[in-house]
Amino acid sequence: MELKTSDVAARLGVSPKTIQRWVRKYDITLRKNEAGHYLFDEKTVALLERVKFEQGAAMEAPPTPKRPPTPPRNNVPIDALFGSIEPEIARVSSRLDQLEQQLEQKADDVVSIQLLHHRQEMEEIAARLTALEQLVARLEQQLNTRPPAPHEPPEEPKQKRRGLGRVMRLFA
């Protein structure tokens, strides 16, 4: 029974690329089909299972021995270290609060400036709209107050040629 790389990979629970890598790494001789794909027999699958087991054991980290707790450096107790760090922590925290307030102020300033620009643009648009409304009103007034233009005499409609169709039907 011959298996493809993907079948062996599924059977071993690894990716097909891992199978191909093991074949190259351990120089396992395999037959290939017409498309150049590896064909595995049961003996080779058993060999790959052993490789997987060995690879799995190699991947596991050796247990770390428990170390005794490290003594405090320079024989200074932890509480004393924290006491000297506490003012620095307070200073950094205070500076962080100041920076946050400055950032909020900058954000408020930016929003205020944007609102002012938008308001100015809206006022300009409103002024243009008012000017356009006035122009339309003037043009309507001029159109309504203009005296009617003298009409040219209407063109006389062409008279239909009657009877020609009858005559033509005679020759058809």
Protein backbone atom coordinates (compact mmCIF):
# COMPACT_ATOMS: atom_id res chain seq x y z
CA MET A 1 0.00 0.00 0.00
CA GLU A 2 1.47 3.35 -1.05
CA LEU A 3 0.48 6.60 0.64
CA LYS A 4 0.88 10.21 -0.46
CA THR A 5 2.62 12.87 1.61
CA SER A 6 -0.66 14.42 2.75
CA ASP A 7 -1.96 11.01 3.91
CA VAL A 8 1.20 10.35 5.93
CA ALA A 9 1.08 13.87 7.37
CA ALA A 10 -2.53 13.37 8.49
CA ARG A 11 -1.68 10.00 9.96
CA LEU A 12 1.25 11.41 11.96
CA GLY A 13 -0.51 14.65 12.85
CA VAL A 14 2.07 16.96 11.26
CA SER A 15 2.06 19.15 8.16
CA PRO A 16 3.06 17.81 4.72
CA LYS A 17 5.96 20.28 4.70
CA THR A 18 7.28 18.67 7.90
CA ILE A 19 7.18 15.25 6.23
CA GLN A 20 9.07 16.60 3.21
CA ARG A 21 11.63 18.25 5.48
CA TRP A 22 12.23 15.00 7.39
CA VAL A 23 12.67 13.08 4.12
CA ARG A 24 15.34 15.54 3.00
CA LYS A 25 16.99 15.83 6.43
CA TYR A 26 17.31 12.10 7.04
CA ASP A 27 17.95 11.31 3.37
CA ILE A 28 15.12 8.78 3.17
CA THR A 29 14.95 7.16 -0.28
CA LEU A 30 11.45 7.06 -1.67
CA ARG A 31 9.79 6.31 -4.95
CA LYS A 32 7.99 9.13 -6.75
CA ASN A 33 4.89 9.02 -8.91
CA GLU A 34 4.53 10.55 -12.41
CA ALA A 35 3.93 14.01 -10.91
CA GLY A 36 7.12 13.77 -8.79
CA HIS A 37 5.31 13.28 -5.48
CA TYR A 38 6.70 10.96 -2.81
CA LEU A 39 5.09 7.54 -2.33
CA PHE A 40 5.36 6.06 1.18
CA ASP A 41 5.11 2.41 2.19
CA GLU A 42 4.35 1.12 5.69
CA LYS A 43 8.03 0.63 6.51
CA THR A 44 8.79 4.29 5.72
CA VAL A 45 5.74 5.46 7.69
CA ALA A 46 7.00 3.50 10.71
CA LEU A 47 10.42 5.14 10.29
CA LEU A 48 8.77 8.59 10.17
CA GLU A 49 6.77 7.77 13.29
CA ARG A 50 10.07 7.08 15.07
CA VAL A 51 11.48 10.36 13.73
CA LYS A 52 8.43 12.18 15.01
CA PHE A 53 8.84 10.59 18.43
CA GLU A 54 12.53 11.55 18.55
CA GLN A 55 11.78 15.07 17.29
CA GLY A 56 9.05 15.44 19.91
CA ALA A 57 11.42 14.34 22.67
CA ALA A 58 14.06 16.74 21.40
CA MET A 59 11.59 19.61 21.28
CA GLU A 60 10.59 19.17 24.91
CA ALA A 61 12.68 21.34 27.17
CA PRO A 62 14.52 19.50 29.92
CA PRO A 63 13.04 20.16 33.33
CA THR A 64 14.66 23.11 35.02
CA PRO A 65 15.99 22.39 38.47
CA LYS A 66 14.46 24.39 41.27
CA ARG A 67 16.78 27.10 42.48
CA PRO A 68 16.87 28.38 45.97
CA PRO A 69 15.49 31.90 46.27
CA THR A 70 18.08 34.55 45.59
CA PRO A 71 19.07 36.56 48.62
CA PRO A 72 18.51 40.31 48.46
CA ARG A 73 21.41 42.17 46.90
CA ASN A 74 23.79 43.99 49.15
CA ASN A 75 21.82 42.57 52.03
CA VAL A 76 19.21 45.34 51.64
CA PRO A 77 15.67 44.23 52.52
CA ILE A 78 13.00 44.55 49.86
CA ASP A 79 10.98 46.98 51.97
CA ALA A 80 13.89 49.40 52.05
CA LEU A 81 14.23 49.17 48.26
CA PHE A 82 10.54 49.90 47.82
CA GLY A 83 10.82 52.86 50.18
CA SER A 84 13.52 54.44 48.03
CA ILE A 85 11.61 53.76 44.82
CA GLU A 86 8.27 55.07 46.05
CA PRO A 87 9.13 58.80 45.63
CA GLU A 88 10.32 58.10 42.08
CA ILE A 89 7.08 56.28 41.30
CA ALA A 90 5.10 59.22 42.67
CA ARG A 91 7.14 61.66 40.53
CA VAL A 92 6.61 59.61 37.36
CA SER A 93 2.92 59.24 38.12
CA SER A 94 2.58 62.99 38.65
CA ARG A 95 4.39 63.72 35.37
CA LEU A 96 2.14 61.23 33.57
CA ASP A 97 -0.94 63.01 34.93
CA GLN A 98 0.43 66.36 33.72
CA LEU A 99 1.08 64.95 30.25
CA GLU A 100 -2.43 63.52 30.07
CA GLN A 101 -3.90 66.93 31.00
CA GLN A 102 -1.75 68.65 28.37
CA LEU A 103 -2.85 66.12 25.77
CA GLU A 104 -6.51 66.67 26.62
CA GLN A 105 -5.99 70.46 26.41
CA LYS A 106 -4.34 70.12 22.98
CA ALA A 107 -7.21 67.94 21.78
CA ASP A 108 -9.73 70.52 23.04
CA ASP A 109 -7.80 73.31 21.28
CA VAL A 110 -7.74 71.41 18.01
CA VAL A 111 -11.48 70.72 18.16
CA SER A 112 -12.17 74.39 18.97
CA ILE A 113 -10.13 75.58 16.00
CA GLN A 114 -11.87 73.10 13.71
CA LEU A 115 -15.27 74.29 14.93
CA LEU A 116 -14.33 77.90 14.27
CA HIS A 117 -13.19 77.05 10.73
CA HIS A 118 -16.39 75.12 10.07
CA ARG A 119 -18.50 77.96 11.40
CA GLN A 120 -16.67 80.46 9.17
CA GLU A 121 -17.22 78.21 6.15
CA MET A 122 -20.92 77.87 7.01
CA GLU A 123 -21.27 81.67 7.25
CA GLU A 124 -19.58 82.08 3.86
CA ILE A 125 -21.91 79.51 2.32
CA ALA A 126 -24.93 81.22 3.88
CA ALA A 127 -23.79 84.57 2.46
CA ARG A 128 -23.38 83.07 -1.02
CA LEU A 129 -26.80 81.46 -0.77
CA THR A 130 -28.39 84.79 0.19
CA ALA A 131 -26.66 86.51 -2.76
CA LEU A 132 -27.90 83.81 -5.13
CA GLU A 133 -31.46 84.12 -3.78
CA GLN A 134 -31.37 87.89 -4.39
CA LEU A 135 -30.04 87.38 -7.91
CA VAL A 136 -32.80 84.88 -8.71
CA ALA A 137 -35.43 87.29 -7.32
CA ARG A 138 -34.08 90.14 -9.51
CA LEU A 139 -34.03 87.97 -12.60
CA GLU A 140 -37.62 86.83 -11.96
CA GLN A 141 -38.69 90.43 -11.50
CA GLN A 142 -37.00 91.49 -14.74
CA LEU A 143 -38.65 88.63 -16.56
CA ASN A 144 -42.09 89.53 -15.20
CA THR A 145 -41.78 93.29 -15.89
CA ARG A 146 -40.42 93.01 -19.44
CA PRO A 147 -42.96 94.03 -22.07
CA PRO A 148 -44.01 91.22 -24.33
CA ALA A 149 -41.98 91.04 -27.50
CA PRO A 150 -43.86 91.72 -30.68
CA HIS A 151 -44.74 88.47 -32.29
CA GLU A 152 -43.71 87.75 -35.79
CA PRO A 153 -46.50 86.75 -38.05
CA PRO A 154 -46.97 83.02 -37.82
CA GLU A 155 -45.79 81.04 -40.74
CA GLU A 156 -48.52 79.65 -42.87
CA PRO A 157 -48.72 75.96 -42.51
CA LYS A 158 -48.04 73.92 -45.58
CA GLN A 159 -51.13 72.77 -47.26
CA LYS A 160 -51.58 69.13 -47.77
CA ARG A 161 -51.55 67.87 -51.28
CA ARG A 162 -54.75 66.06 -51.62
CA GLY A 163 -55.48 63.71 -54.36
CA LEU A 164 -51.87 62.93 -55.21
CA GLY A 165 -52.07 59.70 -53.24
CA ARG A 166 -55.16 58.66 -55.16
CA VAL A 167 -53.48 59.30 -58.46
CA MET A 168 -50.41 57.37 -57.40
CA ARG A 169 -52.52 54.43 -56.36
CA LEU A 170 -53.90 54.23 -59.81
CA PHE A 171 -50.47 53.46 -61.25
CA ALA A 172 -49.57 50.93 -58.63
